[in-house]
Structures are given as structure tokens and as C-alpha cells.
C-alpha atoms as a PDB file:
ATOM      1  CA  MET A   1      40.054 -26.041   0.743  1.00  0.00           C
ATOM      2  CA  ASN A   2      41.516 -22.426   1.383  1.00  0.00           C
ATOM      3  CA  LYS A   3      40.085 -21.522  -2.166  1.00  0.00           C
ATOM      4  CA  ILE A   4      36.559 -22.494  -0.681  1.00  0.00           C
ATOM      5  CA  ILE A   5      36.530 -21.045   2.120  1.00  0.00           C
ATOM      6  CA  THR A   6      37.297 -18.109   0.953  1.00  0.00           C
ATOM      7  CA  LEU A   7      35.213 -17.989  -2.193  1.00  0.00           C
ATOM      8  CA  ILE A   8      32.252 -19.031   0.109  1.00  0.00           C
ATOM      9  CA  SER A   9      33.164 -16.206   3.121  1.00  0.00           C
ATOM     10  CA  ALA A  10      33.328 -14.045  -0.331  1.00  0.00           C
ATOM     11  CA  SER A  11      29.862 -15.299  -1.826  1.00  0.00           C
ATOM     12  CA  GLY A  12      28.668 -14.622   2.107  1.00  0.00           C
ATOM     13  CA  LEU A  13      29.523 -10.845   1.922  1.00  0.00           C
ATOM     14  CA  PHE A  14      28.806 -10.304  -1.658  1.00  0.00           C
ATOM     15  CA  LEU A  15      24.843 -11.723  -0.508  1.00  0.00           C
ATOM     16  CA  ILE A  16      24.953  -9.710   2.971  1.00  0.00           C
ATOM     17  CA  GLY A  17      25.875  -6.370   0.842  1.00  0.00           C
ATOM     18  CA  GLY A  18      23.545  -6.830  -2.114  1.00  0.00           C
ATOM     19  CA  PHE A  19      20.555  -6.909   1.109  1.00  0.00           C
ATOM     20  CA  SER A  20      22.248  -4.250   2.568  1.00  0.00           C
ATOM     21  CA  MET A  21      22.142  -2.283  -1.034  1.00  0.00           C
ATOM     22  CA  PHE A  22      18.663  -3.629  -1.261  1.00  0.00           C
ATOM     23  CA  SER A  23      17.495  -2.443   1.784  1.00  0.00           C
ATOM     24  CA  TYR A  24      18.879   0.743   1.052  1.00  0.00           C
ATOM     25  CA  PHE A  25      16.680   1.356  -1.825  1.00  0.00           C
ATOM     26  CA  LEU A  26      14.085  -0.052  -0.873  1.00  0.00           C
ATOM     27  CA  ASN A  27      14.005   2.739   2.543  1.00  0.00           C
ATOM     28  CA  ILE A  28      11.608   1.063   4.948  1.00  0.00           C
ATOM     29  CA  ASP A  29      11.259   3.557   7.858  1.00  0.00           C
ATOM     30  CA  LYS A  30      10.664   2.289  10.815  1.00  0.00           C
ATOM     31  CA  SER A  31      11.067   5.289  12.675  1.00  0.00           C
ATOM     32  CA  GLY A  32       7.235   4.989  13.025  1.00  0.00           C
ATOM     33  CA  PRO A  33       4.246   6.249  12.019  1.00  0.00           C
ATOM     34  CA  ARG A  34       2.253  10.006  12.971  1.00  0.00           C
ATOM     35  CA  ILE A  35      -1.452   8.922  14.132  1.00  0.00           C
ATOM     36  CA  VAL A  36      -4.082  11.108  12.137  1.00  0.00           C
ATOM     37  CA  ASN A  37      -7.855  11.267  12.708  1.00  0.00           C
ATOM     38  CA  ILE A  38      -9.811  11.022   9.148  1.00  0.00           C
ATOM     39  CA  GLU A  39     -12.745  13.325  10.072  1.00  0.00           C
ATOM     40  CA  SER A  40     -14.382  13.219   6.175  1.00  0.00           C
ATOM     41  CA  PRO A  41     -15.224   9.950   4.498  1.00  0.00           C
ATOM     42  CA  ILE A  42     -12.756   9.791   1.266  1.00  0.00           C
ATOM     43  CA  THR A  43     -15.065   8.388  -1.240  1.00  0.00           C
ATOM     44  CA  ILE A  44     -13.113   6.558  -4.718  1.00  0.00           C
ATOM     45  CA  ALA A  45     -14.233   5.257  -7.817  1.00  0.00           C
ATOM     46  CA  GLY A  46     -12.191   2.423  -9.497  1.00  0.00           C
ATOM     47  CA  VAL A  47     -11.880  -1.265  -9.759  1.00  0.00           C
ATOM     48  CA  SER A  48     -11.828  -4.759  -7.198  1.00  0.00           C
ATOM     49  CA  MET A  49     -11.223  -7.744  -6.794  1.00  0.00           C
ATOM     50  CA  ARG A  50     -10.366 -10.287  -4.795  1.00  0.00           C
ATOM     51  CA  THR A  51      -7.005 -10.767  -3.368  1.00  0.00           C
ATOM     52  CA  SER A  52      -4.674 -13.842  -1.060  1.00  0.00           C
ATOM     53  CA  MET A  53      -1.647 -13.518   0.360  1.00  0.00           C
ATOM     54  CA  LYS A  54      -0.263 -16.530  -2.230  1.00  0.00           C
ATOM     55  CA  THR A  55      -1.615 -13.937  -5.663  1.00  0.00           C
ATOM     56  CA  ILE A  56      -1.155 -10.377  -3.962  1.00  0.00           C
ATOM     57  CA  MET A  57       1.896  -9.861  -6.410  1.00  0.00           C
ATOM     58  CA  ARG A  58       0.667 -11.052  -9.566  1.00  0.00           C
ATOM     59  CA  ASP A  59      -3.101  -9.664  -8.406  1.00  0.00           C
ATOM     60  CA  ALA A  60      -1.412  -6.247  -7.447  1.00  0.00           C
ATOM     61  CA  GLY A  61       0.043  -5.921 -11.398  1.00  0.00           C
ATOM     62  CA  THR A  62      -3.083  -7.035 -12.985  1.00  0.00           C
ATOM     63  CA  LEU A  63      -5.747  -4.592 -11.150  1.00  0.00           C
ATOM     64  CA  GLY A  64      -3.038  -1.958 -11.939  1.00  0.00           C
ATOM     65  CA  LYS A  65      -3.328  -2.614 -15.430  1.00  0.00           C
ATOM     66  CA  THR A  66      -7.121  -2.379 -14.878  1.00  0.00           C
ATOM     67  CA  TYR A  67      -7.169   0.770 -13.098  1.00  0.00           C
ATOM     68  CA  LYS A  68      -4.812   2.009 -15.816  1.00  0.00           C
ATOM     69  CA  SER A  69      -7.244   1.156 -18.679  1.00  0.00           C
ATOM     70  CA  VAL A  70     -10.230   2.560 -16.931  1.00  0.00           C
ATOM     71  CA  LYS A  71      -7.817   6.040 -16.528  1.00  0.00           C
ATOM     72  CA  ASP A  72      -7.076   6.054 -20.038  1.00  0.00           C
ATOM     73  CA  ARG A  73     -11.102   5.760 -20.973  1.00  0.00           C
ATOM     74  CA  ASN A  74     -11.405   8.622 -18.832  1.00  0.00           C
ATOM     75  CA  ILE A  75     -14.564   7.226 -16.840  1.00  0.00           C
ATOM     76  CA  VAL A  76     -14.629   8.122 -13.615  1.00  0.00           C
ATOM     77  CA  LYS A  77     -16.558  11.387 -13.080  1.00  0.00           C
ATOM     78  CA  HIS A  78     -16.117  14.204 -10.352  1.00  0.00           C
ATOM     79  CA  LYS A  79     -12.625  13.367  -9.747  1.00  0.00           C
ATOM     80  CA  VAL A  80     -11.344  15.561  -7.064  1.00  0.00           C
ATOM     81  CA  GLU A  81      -8.735  17.835  -7.136  1.00  0.00           C
ATOM     82  CA  PRO A  82      -5.238  17.892  -6.407  1.00  0.00           C
ATOM     83  CA  TRP A  83      -5.172  14.223  -8.397  1.00  0.00           C
ATOM     84  CA  GLY A  84      -5.244  11.913  -5.998  1.00  0.00           C
ATOM     85  CA  PHE A  85      -6.405   8.425  -6.308  1.00  0.00           C
ATOM     86  CA  ALA A  86      -6.298   4.891  -3.088  1.00  0.00           C
ATOM     87  CA  ALA A  87      -5.216   1.655  -3.030  1.00  0.00           C
ATOM     88  CA  VAL A  88      -7.628   0.203  -0.507  1.00  0.00           C
ATOM     89  CA  SER A  89      -7.176  -3.537   1.189  1.00  0.00           C
ATOM     90  CA  ARG A  90     -11.016  -4.403   3.189  1.00  0.00           C
ATOM     91  CA  ASN A  91     -13.236  -6.970   4.071  1.00  0.00           C
ATOM     92  CA  PHE A  92     -10.622  -9.628   5.083  1.00  0.00           C
ATOM     93  CA  SER A  93     -11.364 -12.987   5.234  1.00  0.00           C
ATOM     94  CA  SER A  94     -11.415 -14.759   8.666  1.00  0.00           C
ATOM     95  CA  GLY A  95      -8.370 -15.804   8.470  1.00  0.00           C
ATOM     96  CA  GLY A  96      -6.936 -12.893   6.817  1.00  0.00           C
ATOM     97  CA  ASP A  97      -5.568 -14.376   4.090  1.00  0.00           C
ATOM     98  CA  SER A  98      -7.679 -13.291   1.472  1.00  0.00           C
ATOM     99  CA  TRP A  99      -9.457  -9.533   1.155  1.00  0.00           C
ATOM    100  CA  ASP A 100     -10.725  -7.290  -0.889  1.00  0.00           C
ATOM    101  CA  TYR A 101      -8.419  -4.782  -2.833  1.00  0.00           C
ATOM    102  CA  ILE A 102      -9.404  -1.705  -4.475  1.00  0.00           C
ATOM    103  CA  MET A 103      -7.558   1.180  -6.360  1.00  0.00           C
ATOM    104  CA  GLY A 104      -9.189   4.527  -7.438  1.00  0.00           C
ATOM    105  CA  ASP A 105      -9.543   7.681  -7.997  1.00  0.00           C
ATOM    106  CA  VAL A 106     -11.017  10.210  -4.896  1.00  0.00           C
ATOM    107  CA  VAL A 107     -14.152  11.510  -5.793  1.00  0.00           C
ATOM    108  CA  ALA A 108     -16.444  14.193  -4.364  1.00  0.00           C
ATOM    109  CA  SER A 109     -20.035  12.144  -5.838  1.00  0.00           C
ATOM    110  CA  THR A 110     -20.988   9.073  -6.599  1.00  0.00           C
ATOM    111  CA  LYS A 111     -23.124  10.476  -8.947  1.00  0.00           C
ATOM    112  CA  ASP A 112     -23.017   9.222 -12.458  1.00  0.00           C
ATOM    113  CA  GLN A 113     -20.693   7.121 -11.954  1.00  0.00           C
ATOM    114  CA  PRO A 114     -20.407   4.004 -14.342  1.00  0.00           C
ATOM    115  CA  GLU A 115     -21.942   0.325 -13.143  1.00  0.00           C
ATOM    116  CA  GLU A 116     -18.521  -0.745 -14.098  1.00  0.00           C
ATOM    117  CA  LEU A 117     -17.040   1.184 -11.745  1.00  0.00           C
ATOM    118  CA  THR A 118     -16.163  -0.497  -8.079  1.00  0.00           C
ATOM    119  CA  ILE A 119     -17.938   2.420  -5.457  1.00  0.00           C
ATOM    120  CA  TYR A 120     -16.384   2.776  -1.866  1.00  0.00           C
ATOM    121  CA  THR A 121     -15.996   4.844   0.686  1.00  0.00           C
ATOM    122  CA  ILE A 122     -12.700   5.387   3.382  1.00  0.00           C
ATOM    123  CA  PRO A 123     -14.465   5.432   6.579  1.00  0.00           C
ATOM    124  CA  THR A 124     -13.556   8.166   9.586  1.00  0.00           C
ATOM    125  CA  GLY A 125     -11.326   7.168  12.243  1.00  0.00           C
ATOM    126  CA  THR A 126      -7.858   6.995  13.672  1.00  0.00           C
ATOM    127  CA  TYR A 127      -4.787   5.826  11.318  1.00  0.00           C
ATOM    128  CA  ALA A 128      -1.435   5.037  11.903  1.00  0.00           C
ATOM    129  CA  VAL A 129       0.648   6.806   9.035  1.00  0.00           C
ATOM    130  CA  PHE A 130       3.343   4.942   7.909  1.00  0.00           C
ATOM    131  CA  ARG A 131       5.617   7.100   4.871  1.00  0.00           C
ATOM    132  CA  ILE A 132       6.713   5.025   1.967  1.00  0.00           C
ATOM    133  CA  ALA A 133       9.587   5.970   0.006  1.00  0.00           C
ATOM    134  CA  PRO A 134      12.101   3.571  -2.239  1.00  0.00           C
ATOM    135  CA  ARG A 135      14.599   5.319  -3.716  1.00  0.00           C
ATOM    136  CA  ALA A 136      13.145   3.978  -6.947  1.00  0.00           C
ATOM    137  CA  LYS A 137      10.148   3.524  -8.901  1.00  0.00           C
ATOM    138  CA  PHE A 138      10.505   0.441  -9.825  1.00  0.00           C
ATOM    139  CA  LEU A 139      11.099  -0.735  -6.325  1.00  0.00           C
ATOM    140  CA  TRP A 140       7.143   0.155  -5.483  1.00  0.00           C
ATOM    141  CA  GLY A 141       6.186  -3.390  -4.880  1.00  0.00           C
ATOM    142  CA  PRO A 142       8.687  -4.499  -2.797  1.00  0.00           C
ATOM    143  CA  ALA A 143       8.983  -1.666  -0.920  1.00  0.00           C
ATOM    144  CA  ILE A 144       5.043  -1.586  -0.069  1.00  0.00           C
ATOM    145  CA  GLY A 145       5.236  -5.493   0.895  1.00  0.00           C
ATOM    146  CA  LEU A 146       8.096  -5.000   2.878  1.00  0.00           C
ATOM    147  CA  THR A 147       6.547  -1.563   4.969  1.00  0.00           C
ATOM    148  CA  LYS A 148       3.084  -3.929   5.543  1.00  0.00           C
ATOM    149  CA  LYS A 149       5.104  -6.982   7.355  1.00  0.00           C
ATOM    150  CA  TYR A 150       6.920  -4.519   8.826  1.00  0.00           C
ATOM    151  CA  VAL A 151       3.790  -2.922  10.365  1.00  0.00           C
ATOM    152  CA  TYR A 152       1.698  -6.075  10.849  1.00  0.00           C
ATOM    153  CA  THR A 153       4.261  -8.119  12.442  1.00  0.00           C
ATOM    154  CA  GLU A 154       6.696  -5.314  14.220  1.00  0.00           C
ATOM    155  CA  TRP A 155       5.347  -1.863  15.094  1.00  0.00           C
ATOM    156  CA  ILE A 156       1.439  -3.485  15.690  1.00  0.00           C
ATOM    157  CA  HIS A 157       2.700  -5.227  18.665  1.00  0.00           C
ATOM    158  CA  ALA A 158       4.856  -3.088  19.975  1.00  0.00           C
ATOM    159  CA  SER A 159       2.793  -0.316  19.708  1.00  0.00           C
ATOM    160  CA  GLU A 160      -0.164   1.452  21.782  1.00  0.00           C
ATOM    161  CA  TYR A 161      -2.456   0.801  19.669  1.00  0.00           C
ATOM    162  CA  ALA A 162      -4.538  -2.423  18.031  1.00  0.00           C
ATOM    163  CA  LEU A 163      -5.712  -2.877  14.175  1.00  0.00           C
ATOM    164  CA  ASN A 164      -9.453  -2.039  14.034  1.00  0.00           C
ATOM    165  CA  PRO A 165     -10.431  -4.207  10.566  1.00  0.00           C
ATOM    166  CA  GLU A 166     -13.804  -4.476  10.426  1.00  0.00           C
ATOM    167  CA  GLU A 167     -14.083  -1.656   7.967  1.00  0.00           C
ATOM    168  CA  ILE A 168     -10.886  -1.101   6.269  1.00  0.00           C
ATOM    169  CA  GLY A 169      -7.847  -2.726   7.034  1.00  0.00           C
ATOM    170  CA  ASP A 170      -5.552  -0.574   5.294  1.00  0.00           C
ATOM    171  CA  PHE A 171      -4.966   2.197   2.461  1.00  0.00           C
ATOM    172  CA  GLU A 172      -2.285   3.706   0.359  1.00  0.00           C
ATOM    173  CA  PHE A 173      -2.273   7.348  -1.025  1.00  0.00           C
ATOM    174  CA  HIS A 174      -1.356   8.298  -4.020  1.00  0.00           C
ATOM    175  CA  ASP A 175      -0.858  11.826  -5.372  1.00  0.00           C
ATOM    176  CA  LYS A 176       1.259  13.710  -7.332  1.00  0.00           C
ATOM    177  CA  ARG A 177       4.222  12.519  -4.408  1.00  0.00           C
ATOM    178  CA  SER A 178       4.015   9.048  -5.984  1.00  0.00           C
ATOM    179  CA  ALA A 179       4.950  10.918  -9.495  1.00  0.00           C
ATOM    180  CA  SER A 180       8.142  12.769  -8.542  1.00  0.00           C
ATOM    181  CA  ASP A 181      11.532  12.140  -9.149  1.00  0.00           C
ATOM    182  CA  LYS A 182      11.650  10.929  -5.593  1.00  0.00           C
ATOM    183  CA  PRO A 183       8.653   9.229  -5.030  1.00  0.00           C
ATOM    184  CA  MET A 184       6.711   8.911  -1.533  1.00  0.00           C
ATOM    185  CA  ILE A 185       3.456   7.775  -1.092  1.00  0.00           C
ATOM    186  CA  GLU A 186       1.511   6.992   2.625  1.00  0.00           C
ATOM    187  CA  LEU A 187      -0.038   3.691   3.901  1.00  0.00           C
ATOM    188  CA  PHE A 188      -2.332   4.663   6.039  1.00  0.00           C
ATOM    189  CA  VAL A 189      -3.342   1.649   8.814  1.00  0.00           C
ATOM    190  CA  SER A 190      -6.907   1.783  10.938  1.00  0.00           C
ATOM    191  CA  VAL A 191      -5.802   0.984  14.484  1.00  0.00           C
ATOM    192  CA  LYS A 192      -7.824   1.687  17.845  1.00  0.00           C
ATOM    193  CA  LYS A 193      -6.070   2.285  21.384  1.00  0.00           C
ATOM    194  CA  LYS A 194      -5.306  -0.846  22.595  1.00  0.00           C
END
């Protein structure tokens, strides 16, 4: 009996230690966002799909592969330098369980963009900006997911802001920092004062 209790205790410690290590590698920043006002719209050209809470993990990978094929074909015109792309969540259903997910390069003009591309302009406004910096690139998905969970279930309720999802919910901004040895992106969440 004592051996079973010891084994259960050791397993519990392993699970707690494993979760702590996983949290360490995800590097979720709960120090709070910086608040910015985007004064000029940001236009992206890329690909999109409708997704949901049940399918986002699969859909993000599928959309990422489609976006990569567009990048490989080099069909996006008028890309802004330095390079950047955004992954936008917008047009939420009334229950918030489904939305449009768009991945695209930042562009200076919509002129001559191929018809197969989705064009979207990120609106001006106030955004809470959260840093996402997992300690390893393969942890992007869980780090983004857990950061969004923190923002929407903890931070927003304790902050002086409310969500402002009329036009856009949030967008992830990727640039050369996301491809570095210490990867980092920023999550912009549309907000307004309560």
C-alpha cells in the first residue's frame, strides 16, 4: 500500500513538474499589455477561412499551409518593407464561437492584387498589445492559444478596458522577430475604455 501511495505521489510531482516546465517554455507574459492607438489603417493581402473554437487548432495549420503556398508563388503585390504579416480574427458569430481567420502580408496598395487573395484593412483604433515569446518555435500554437485565453478570460475582466469587436477582434503581428532565434510576435486586441 505504501508503495502505491509513493508511486501516486511521485506521478503527481512529475505531472506538476512537467506542467511547470511546459509553462516555462511557453513563456506566457502576464505583466499586462501596452496600450497603443493605431492611427493609420494596415492593409493585408492573403488567405482566409471561417473557423471555430472546435476547429481552430486544425484550421490554423491548414490556413498556414495555404498562406505558405501563396508566399511560395510570390503573387502578393506591393509588399511593405520591412516584411510583416498579420493573422486576423474578425466577424465573430453572435455567440463568439466562430469567426473569420485571415493571414496576409502587409501591403502598400490593393491595386493589381490577384482575385484569389483576401484583402482586409485592419482599422485604426485602440489596441492592447501583448507580447508572445515562446522559448521554442514549435510552441507557437500553444503560446498563442494560452495568451488569448489569458486575455479573454482574465485580463479583460480585471482591466479598465472592454473588448471592441465590432470590426476586428484581434490580430497577431509577425515580422523578422518571429523568425529569430528568440521568436516573438505581438497580439493586438481591439479595446475601448469601460
